[in-house]
Amino acid sequence: MVNDTPLWFYTLREAEFNAGRMAAVGGRIVAETFHRAIEGSSVSIIAEPTWRPTLGPDPDTFRMVDLLLFAFEGRADLLNPLGNG
């Protein structure tokens, strides 16, 4: 039902009409929605207090780009699906 559609879904839809880009508020809504879902999961790595990421260039550094490059098997060209910029 339309009344039950979550706000973050509308924000993603708006991005479709804005060349695939979200505004600051929309991006925050979507990011916090996913963050809270991960945070509330009992099977998430976040539930393990001693876990530390190992994808960064050294043991003390972890950047989102490191995670994205891992997910895209090191293919940086796939990180910009719009192909511009």
PDB file of N, CA and C in Angstrom:
ATOM      1  N   MET A   1       0.836  -1.168   0.000  1.00  0.00           N
ATOM      2  CA  MET A   1       0.000   0.000   0.000  1.00  0.00           C
ATOM      3  C   MET A   1       0.898   1.255   0.000  1.00  0.00           C
ATOM      4  N   VAL A   2       0.484   2.268  -0.692  1.00  0.00           N
ATOM      5  CA  VAL A   2       1.277   3.495  -0.821  1.00  0.00           C
ATOM      6  C   VAL A   2       1.541   4.145   0.533  1.00  0.00           C
ATOM      7  N   ASN A   3       0.602   4.107   1.435  1.00  0.00           N
ATOM      8  CA  ASN A   3       0.773   4.734   2.744  1.00  0.00           C
ATOM      9  C   ASN A   3       1.847   4.058   3.580  1.00  0.00           C
ATOM     10  N   ASP A   4       2.193   2.814   3.266  1.00  0.00           N
ATOM     11  CA  ASP A   4       3.177   2.066   4.040  1.00  0.00           C
ATOM     12  C   ASP A   4       4.575   2.100   3.429  1.00  0.00           C
ATOM     13  N   THR A   5       4.752   2.836   2.352  1.00  0.00           N
ATOM     14  CA  THR A   5       6.051   2.904   1.694  1.00  0.00           C
ATOM     15  C   THR A   5       7.013   3.729   2.539  1.00  0.00           C
ATOM     16  N   PRO A   6       8.207   3.171   2.846  1.00  0.00           N
ATOM     17  CA  PRO A   6       9.149   3.911   3.695  1.00  0.00           C
ATOM     18  C   PRO A   6       9.728   5.134   2.989  1.00  0.00           C
ATOM     19  N   LEU A   7      10.060   6.140   3.801  1.00  0.00           N
ATOM     20  CA  LEU A   7      10.599   7.402   3.287  1.00  0.00           C
ATOM     21  C   LEU A   7      11.865   7.191   2.465  1.00  0.00           C
ATOM     22  N   TRP A   8      12.758   6.282   2.904  1.00  0.00           N
ATOM     23  CA  TRP A   8      14.018   6.090   2.181  1.00  0.00           C
ATOM     24  C   TRP A   8      13.774   5.586   0.774  1.00  0.00           C
ATOM     25  N   PHE A   9      12.683   4.864   0.543  1.00  0.00           N
ATOM     26  CA  PHE A   9      12.367   4.379  -0.798  1.00  0.00           C
ATOM     27  C   PHE A   9      12.044   5.548  -1.728  1.00  0.00           C
ATOM     28  N   TYR A  10      11.285   6.503  -1.231  1.00  0.00           N
ATOM     29  CA  TYR A  10      10.991   7.701  -2.024  1.00  0.00           C
ATOM     30  C   TYR A  10      12.261   8.482  -2.324  1.00  0.00           C
ATOM     31  N   THR A  11      13.166   8.518  -1.370  1.00  0.00           N
ATOM     32  CA  THR A  11      14.429   9.236  -1.560  1.00  0.00           C
ATOM     33  C   THR A  11      15.236   8.586  -2.681  1.00  0.00           C
ATOM     34  N   LEU A  12      15.290   7.252  -2.710  1.00  0.00           N
ATOM     35  CA  LEU A  12      15.991   6.563  -3.790  1.00  0.00           C
ATOM     36  C   LEU A  12      15.326   6.846  -5.135  1.00  0.00           C
ATOM     37  N   ARG A  13      14.011   6.868  -5.143  1.00  0.00           N
ATOM     38  CA  ARG A  13      13.274   7.149  -6.376  1.00  0.00           C
ATOM     39  C   ARG A  13      13.573   8.567  -6.874  1.00  0.00           C
ATOM     40  N   GLU A  14      13.642   9.521  -5.960  1.00  0.00           N
ATOM     41  CA  GLU A  14      13.970  10.889  -6.351  1.00  0.00           C
ATOM     42  C   GLU A  14      15.346  10.957  -7.005  1.00  0.00           C
ATOM     43  N   ALA A  15      16.273  10.162  -6.524  1.00  0.00           N
ATOM     44  CA  ALA A  15      17.618  10.159  -7.090  1.00  0.00           C
ATOM     45  C   ALA A  15      17.588   9.723  -8.547  1.00  0.00           C
ATOM     46  N   GLU A  16      16.645   8.866  -8.903  1.00  0.00           N
ATOM     47  CA  GLU A  16      16.520   8.443 -10.309  1.00  0.00           C
ATOM     48  C   GLU A  16      16.242   9.639 -11.208  1.00  0.00           C
ATOM     49  N   PHE A  17      15.520  10.600 -10.692  1.00  0.00           N
ATOM     50  CA  PHE A  17      15.168  11.779 -11.475  1.00  0.00           C
ATOM     51  C   PHE A  17      16.196  12.904 -11.342  1.00  0.00           C
ATOM     52  N   ASN A  18      17.251  12.651 -10.586  1.00  0.00           N
ATOM     53  CA  ASN A  18      18.292  13.655 -10.381  1.00  0.00           C
ATOM     54  C   ASN A  18      19.641  13.098 -10.844  1.00  0.00           C
ATOM     55  N   ALA A  19      19.645  12.472 -11.994  1.00  0.00           N
ATOM     56  CA  ALA A  19      20.864  11.912 -12.599  1.00  0.00           C
ATOM     57  C   ALA A  19      21.576  10.926 -11.664  1.00  0.00           C
ATOM     58  N   GLY A  20      20.799  10.190 -10.857  1.00  0.00           N
ATOM     59  CA  GLY A  20      21.377   9.184  -9.982  1.00  0.00           C
ATOM     60  C   GLY A  20      22.010   9.720  -8.717  1.00  0.00           C
ATOM     61  N   ARG A  21      21.779  10.978  -8.416  1.00  0.00           N
ATOM     62  CA  ARG A  21      22.398  11.583  -7.241  1.00  0.00           C
ATOM     63  C   ARG A  21      21.357  11.914  -6.178  1.00  0.00           C
ATOM     64  N   MET A  22      21.764  11.725  -4.929  1.00  0.00           N
ATOM     65  CA  MET A  22      20.901  12.085  -3.807  1.00  0.00           C
ATOM     66  C   MET A  22      21.371  13.390  -3.206  1.00  0.00           C
ATOM     67  N   ALA A  23      20.433  14.154  -2.714  1.00  0.00           N
ATOM     68  CA  ALA A  23      20.790  15.366  -1.978  1.00  0.00           C
ATOM     69  C   ALA A  23      21.277  14.948  -0.595  1.00  0.00           C
ATOM     70  N   ALA A  24      21.821  15.886   0.144  1.00  0.00           N
ATOM     71  CA  ALA A  24      22.410  15.589   1.456  1.00  0.00           C
ATOM     72  C   ALA A  24      21.392  14.966   2.412  1.00  0.00           C
ATOM     73  N   VAL A  25      20.198  15.515   2.482  1.00  0.00           N
ATOM     74  CA  VAL A  25      19.197  14.996   3.411  1.00  0.00           C
ATOM     75  C   VAL A  25      18.749  13.604   2.987  1.00  0.00           C
ATOM     76  N   GLY A  26      18.486  13.419   1.706  1.00  0.00           N
ATOM     77  CA  GLY A  26      18.075  12.108   1.207  1.00  0.00           C
ATOM     78  C   GLY A  26      19.141  11.054   1.431  1.00  0.00           C
ATOM     79  N   GLY A  27      20.385  11.411   1.187  1.00  0.00           N
ATOM     80  CA  GLY A  27      21.489  10.481   1.409  1.00  0.00           C
ATOM     81  C   GLY A  27      21.602  10.100   2.869  1.00  0.00           C
ATOM     82  N   ARG A  28      21.382  11.050   3.737  1.00  0.00           N
ATOM     83  CA  ARG A  28      21.442  10.787   5.181  1.00  0.00           C
ATOM     84  C   ARG A  28      20.335   9.834   5.606  1.00  0.00           C
ATOM     85  N   ILE A  29      19.125  10.041   5.082  1.00  0.00           N
ATOM     86  CA  ILE A  29      17.992   9.175   5.426  1.00  0.00           C
ATOM     87  C   ILE A  29      18.270   7.739   5.004  1.00  0.00           C
ATOM     88  N   VAL A  30      18.731   7.549   3.786  1.00  0.00           N
ATOM     89  CA  VAL A  30      19.008   6.200   3.290  1.00  0.00           C
ATOM     90  C   VAL A  30      20.161   5.559   4.072  1.00  0.00           C
ATOM     91  N   ALA A  31      21.238   6.303   4.281  1.00  0.00           N
ATOM     92  CA  ALA A  31      22.396   5.760   5.005  1.00  0.00           C
ATOM     93  C   ALA A  31      22.012   5.363   6.430  1.00  0.00           C
ATOM     94  N   GLU A  32      21.251   6.202   7.115  1.00  0.00           N
ATOM     95  CA  GLU A  32      20.872   5.875   8.490  1.00  0.00           C
ATOM     96  C   GLU A  32      19.908   4.705   8.551  1.00  0.00           C
ATOM     97  N   THR A  33      19.052   4.570   7.552  1.00  0.00           N
ATOM     98  CA  THR A  33      18.140   3.420   7.512  1.00  0.00           C
ATOM     99  C   THR A  33      18.927   2.126   7.427  1.00  0.00           C
ATOM    100  N   PHE A  34      19.882   2.057   6.510  1.00  0.00           N
ATOM    101  CA  PHE A  34      20.684   0.846   6.371  1.00  0.00           C
ATOM    102  C   PHE A  34      21.589   0.633   7.589  1.00  0.00           C
ATOM    103  N   HIS A  35      22.146   1.711   8.120  1.00  0.00           N
ATOM    104  CA  HIS A  35      23.013   1.591   9.287  1.00  0.00           C
ATOM    105  C   HIS A  35      22.250   1.005  10.470  1.00  0.00           C
ATOM    106  N   ARG A  36      21.045   1.496  10.715  1.00  0.00           N
ATOM    107  CA  ARG A  36      20.259   0.983  11.845  1.00  0.00           C
ATOM    108  C   ARG A  36      19.848  -0.470  11.629  1.00  0.00           C
ATOM    109  N   ALA A  37      19.592  -0.848  10.387  1.00  0.00           N
ATOM    110  CA  ALA A  37      19.262  -2.252  10.112  1.00  0.00           C
ATOM    111  C   ALA A  37      20.462  -3.151  10.407  1.00  0.00           C
ATOM    112  N   ILE A  38      21.641  -2.710  10.006  1.00  0.00           N
ATOM    113  CA  ILE A  38      22.863  -3.484  10.270  1.00  0.00           C
ATOM    114  C   ILE A  38      23.136  -3.523  11.775  1.00  0.00           C
ATOM    115  N   GLU A  39      22.991  -2.388  12.422  1.00  0.00           N
ATOM    116  CA  GLU A  39      23.254  -2.280  13.851  1.00  0.00           C
ATOM    117  C   GLU A  39      22.310  -3.161  14.676  1.00  0.00           C
ATOM    118  N   GLY A  40      21.089  -3.320  14.208  1.00  0.00           N
ATOM    119  CA  GLY A  40      20.107  -4.116  14.927  1.00  0.00           C
ATOM    120  C   GLY A  40      20.169  -5.607  14.639  1.00  0.00           C
ATOM    121  N   SER A  41      20.995  -6.000  13.689  1.00  0.00           N
ATOM    122  CA  SER A  41      21.092  -7.410  13.315  1.00  0.00           C
ATOM    123  C   SER A  41      21.964  -8.186  14.294  1.00  0.00           C
ATOM    124  N   SER A  42      21.512  -9.369  14.677  1.00  0.00           N
ATOM    125  CA  SER A  42      22.305 -10.198  15.589  1.00  0.00           C
ATOM    126  C   SER A  42      23.398 -10.966  14.847  1.00  0.00           C
ATOM    127  N   VAL A  43      23.349 -11.012  13.528  1.00  0.00           N
ATOM    128  CA  VAL A  43      24.362 -11.732  12.755  1.00  0.00           C
ATOM    129  C   VAL A  43      25.344 -10.796  12.050  1.00  0.00           C
ATOM    130  N   SER A  44      25.230  -9.505  12.301  1.00  0.00           N
ATOM    131  CA  SER A  44      26.117  -8.531  11.686  1.00  0.00           C
ATOM    132  C   SER A  44      27.495  -8.556  12.343  1.00  0.00           C
ATOM    133  N   ILE A  45      28.524  -8.226  11.570  1.00  0.00           N
ATOM    134  CA  ILE A  45      29.870  -8.141  12.137  1.00  0.00           C
ATOM    135  C   ILE A  45      29.959  -7.034  13.184  1.00  0.00           C
ATOM    136  N   ILE A  46      29.056  -6.093  13.122  1.00  0.00           N
ATOM    137  CA  ILE A  46      29.040  -5.007  14.102  1.00  0.00           C
ATOM    138  C   ILE A  46      28.693  -5.537  15.496  1.00  0.00           C
ATOM    139  N   ALA A  47      27.993  -6.673  15.558  1.00  0.00           N
ATOM    140  CA  ALA A  47      27.628  -7.262  16.848  1.00  0.00           C
ATOM    141  C   ALA A  47      28.837  -7.855  17.569  1.00  0.00           C
ATOM    142  N   GLU A  48      29.939  -8.045  16.858  1.00  0.00           N
ATOM    143  CA  GLU A  48      31.160  -8.607  17.447  1.00  0.00           C
ATOM    144  C   GLU A  48      32.093  -7.458  17.824  1.00  0.00           C
ATOM    145  N   PRO A  49      32.234  -7.125  19.114  1.00  0.00           N
ATOM    146  CA  PRO A  49      32.997  -5.941  19.524  1.00  0.00           C
ATOM    147  C   PRO A  49      34.491  -5.989  19.197  1.00  0.00           C
ATOM    148  N   THR A  50      35.054  -7.155  19.006  1.00  0.00           N
ATOM    149  CA  THR A  50      36.493  -7.237  18.731  1.00  0.00           C
ATOM    150  C   THR A  50      36.815  -7.233  17.240  1.00  0.00           C
ATOM    151  N   TRP A  51      35.799  -7.264  16.398  1.00  0.00           N
ATOM    152  CA  TRP A  51      36.039  -7.293  14.952  1.00  0.00           C
ATOM    153  C   TRP A  51      36.606  -5.967  14.462  1.00  0.00           C
ATOM    154  N   ARG A  52      37.589  -6.040  13.579  1.00  0.00           N
ATOM    155  CA  ARG A  52      38.167  -4.855  12.947  1.00  0.00           C
ATOM    156  C   ARG A  52      38.315  -5.137  11.459  1.00  0.00           C
ATOM    157  N   PRO A  53      38.037  -4.148  10.608  1.00  0.00           N
ATOM    158  CA  PRO A  53      38.178  -4.361   9.162  1.00  0.00           C
ATOM    159  C   PRO A  53      39.637  -4.581   8.780  1.00  0.00           C
ATOM    160  N   THR A  54      39.856  -5.379   7.736  1.00  0.00           N
ATOM    161  CA  THR A  54      41.221  -5.684   7.291  1.00  0.00           C
ATOM    162  C   THR A  54      41.435  -5.343   5.821  1.00  0.00           C
ATOM    163  N   LEU A  55      40.546  -4.593   5.229  1.00  0.00           N
ATOM    164  CA  LEU A  55      40.646  -4.309   3.801  1.00  0.00           C
ATOM    165  C   LEU A  55      41.466  -3.066   3.477  1.00  0.00           C
ATOM    166  N   GLY A  56      41.814  -2.278   4.454  1.00  0.00           N
ATOM    167  CA  GLY A  56      42.515  -1.017   4.212  1.00  0.00           C
ATOM    168  C   GLY A  56      43.972  -1.212   3.843  1.00  0.00           C
ATOM    169  N   PRO A  57      44.632  -0.115   3.529  1.00  0.00           N
ATOM    170  CA  PRO A  57      46.033  -0.181   3.124  1.00  0.00           C
ATOM    171  C   PRO A  57      46.974  -0.580   4.260  1.00  0.00           C
ATOM    172  N   ASP A  58      46.523  -0.416   5.516  1.00  0.00           N
ATOM    173  CA  ASP A  58      47.307  -0.850   6.672  1.00  0.00           C
ATOM    174  C   ASP A  58      46.327  -1.194   7.798  1.00  0.00           C
ATOM    175  N   PRO A  59      46.798  -1.839   8.880  1.00  0.00           N
ATOM    176  CA  PRO A  59      45.889  -2.285   9.943  1.00  0.00           C
ATOM    177  C   PRO A  59      45.121  -1.177  10.661  1.00  0.00           C
ATOM    178  N   ASP A  60      45.579   0.052  10.575  1.00  0.00           N
ATOM    179  CA  ASP A  60      44.920   1.150  11.275  1.00  0.00           C
ATOM    180  C   ASP A  60      44.032   2.008  10.384  1.00  0.00           C
ATOM    181  N   THR A  61      43.933   1.663   9.108  1.00  0.00           N
ATOM    182  CA  THR A  61      43.176   2.490   8.168  1.00  0.00           C
ATOM    183  C   THR A  61      42.130   1.654   7.449  1.00  0.00           C
ATOM    184  N   PHE A  62      40.910   2.175   7.424  1.00  0.00           N
ATOM    185  CA  PHE A  62      39.839   1.561   6.647  1.00  0.00           C
ATOM    186  C   PHE A  62      39.012   2.683   6.052  1.00  0.00           C
ATOM    187  N   ARG A  63      38.841   2.639   4.733  1.00  0.00           N
ATOM    188  CA  ARG A  63      38.058   3.651   4.033  1.00  0.00           C
ATOM    189  C   ARG A  63      36.931   2.959   3.278  1.00  0.00           C
ATOM    190  N   MET A  64      35.848   3.674   3.053  1.00  0.00           N
ATOM    191  CA  MET A  64      34.727   3.100   2.314  1.00  0.00           C
ATOM    192  C   MET A  64      35.171   2.635   0.930  1.00  0.00           C
ATOM    193  N   VAL A  65      36.088   3.358   0.320  1.00  0.00           N
ATOM    194  CA  VAL A  65      36.566   2.968  -1.003  1.00  0.00           C
ATOM    195  C   VAL A  65      37.224   1.588  -0.958  1.00  0.00           C
ATOM    196  N   ASP A  66      37.858   1.233   0.153  1.00  0.00           N
ATOM    197  CA  ASP A  66      38.460  -0.095   0.287  1.00  0.00           C
ATOM    198  C   ASP A  66      37.387  -1.182   0.233  1.00  0.00           C
ATOM    199  N   LEU A  67      36.269  -0.945   0.904  1.00  0.00           N
ATOM    200  CA  LEU A  67      35.163  -1.897   0.882  1.00  0.00           C
ATOM    201  C   LEU A  67      34.560  -1.995  -0.511  1.00  0.00           C
ATOM    202  N   LEU A  68      34.363  -0.846  -1.158  1.00  0.00           N
ATOM    203  CA  LEU A  68      33.778  -0.849  -2.504  1.00  0.00           C
ATOM    204  C   LEU A  68      34.690  -1.538  -3.513  1.00  0.00           C
ATOM    205  N   LEU A  69      35.975  -1.284  -3.423  1.00  0.00           N
ATOM    206  CA  LEU A  69      36.906  -1.954  -4.340  1.00  0.00           C
ATOM    207  C   LEU A  69      36.910  -3.458  -4.105  1.00  0.00           C
ATOM    208  N   PHE A  70      36.802  -3.876  -2.863  1.00  0.00           N
ATOM    209  CA  PHE A  70      36.707  -5.304  -2.568  1.00  0.00           C
ATOM    210  C   PHE A  70      35.443  -5.894  -3.188  1.00  0.00           C
ATOM    211  N   ALA A  71      34.315  -5.201  -3.020  1.00  0.00           N
ATOM    212  CA  ALA A  71      33.040  -5.677  -3.545  1.00  0.00           C
ATOM    213  C   ALA A  71      33.042  -5.745  -5.071  1.00  0.00           C
ATOM    214  N   PHE A  72      33.775  -4.832  -5.708  1.00  0.00           N
ATOM    215  CA  PHE A  72      33.815  -4.791  -7.172  1.00  0.00           C
ATOM    216  C   PHE A  72      35.095  -5.415  -7.718  1.00  0.00           C
ATOM    217  N   GLU A  73      35.699  -6.297  -6.901  1.00  0.00           N
ATOM    218  CA  GLU A  73      36.881  -7.068  -7.305  1.00  0.00           C
ATOM    219  C   GLU A  73      37.999  -6.188  -7.874  1.00  0.00           C
ATOM    220  N   GLY A  74      38.199  -5.023  -7.244  1.00  0.00           N
ATOM    221  CA  GLY A  74      39.275  -4.124  -7.634  1.00  0.00           C
ATOM    222  C   GLY A  74      39.016  -3.306  -8.887  1.00  0.00           C
ATOM    223  N   ARG A  75      37.819  -3.390  -9.457  1.00  0.00           N
ATOM    224  CA  ARG A  75      37.504  -2.674 -10.695  1.00  0.00           C
ATOM    225  C   ARG A  75      36.942  -1.296 -10.389  1.00  0.00           C
ATOM    226  N   ALA A  76      37.829  -0.336 -10.266  1.00  0.00           N
ATOM    227  CA  ALA A  76      37.436   1.032  -9.942  1.00  0.00           C
ATOM    228  C   ALA A  76      36.510   1.620 -11.001  1.00  0.00           C
ATOM    229  N   ASP A  77      36.633   1.163 -12.241  1.00  0.00           N
ATOM    230  CA  ASP A  77      35.786   1.691 -13.305  1.00  0.00           C
ATOM    231  C   ASP A  77      34.312   1.374 -13.088  1.00  0.00           C
ATOM    232  N   LEU A  78      34.001   0.353 -12.294  1.00  0.00           N
ATOM    233  CA  LEU A  78      32.610  -0.003 -12.021  1.00  0.00           C
ATOM    234  C   LEU A  78      32.005   0.819 -10.885  1.00  0.00           C
ATOM    235  N   LEU A  79      32.819   1.583 -10.180  1.00  0.00           N
ATOM    236  CA  LEU A  79      32.323   2.355  -9.055  1.00  0.00           C
ATOM    237  C   LEU A  79      31.542   3.588  -9.486  1.00  0.00           C
ATOM    238  N   ASN A  80      31.630   3.980 -10.725  1.00  0.00           N
ATOM    239  CA  ASN A  80      30.874   5.123 -11.226  1.00  0.00           C
ATOM    240  C   ASN A  80      29.999   4.653 -12.385  1.00  0.00           C
ATOM    241  N   PRO A  81      28.808   4.111 -12.065  1.00  0.00           N
ATOM    242  CA  PRO A  81      27.965   3.561 -13.125  1.00  0.00           C
ATOM    243  C   PRO A  81      27.458   4.601 -14.112  1.00  0.00           C
ATOM    244  N   LEU A  82      27.478   5.883 -13.719  1.00  0.00           N
ATOM    245  CA  LEU A  82      27.009   6.927 -14.632  1.00  0.00           C
ATOM    246  C   LEU A  82      28.081   7.278 -15.665  1.00  0.00           C
ATOM    247  N   GLY A  83      29.320   6.928 -15.373  1.00  0.00           N
ATOM    248  CA  GLY A  83      30.394   7.136 -16.340  1.00  0.00           C
ATOM    249  C   GLY A  83      30.826   8.570 -16.532  1.00  0.00           C
ATOM    250  N   ASN A  84      30.380   9.474 -15.692  1.00  0.00           N
ATOM    251  CA  ASN A  84      30.791  10.878 -15.830  1.00  0.00           C
ATOM    252  C   ASN A  84      31.467  11.337 -14.547  1.00  0.00           C
ATOM    253  N   GLY A  85      32.367  12.255 -14.682  1.00  0.00           N
ATOM    254  CA  GLY A  85      32.992  12.819 -13.488  1.00  0.00           C
ATOM    255  C   GLY A  85      34.174  12.102 -13.109  1.00  0.00           C
TER     256      GLY A  85
END
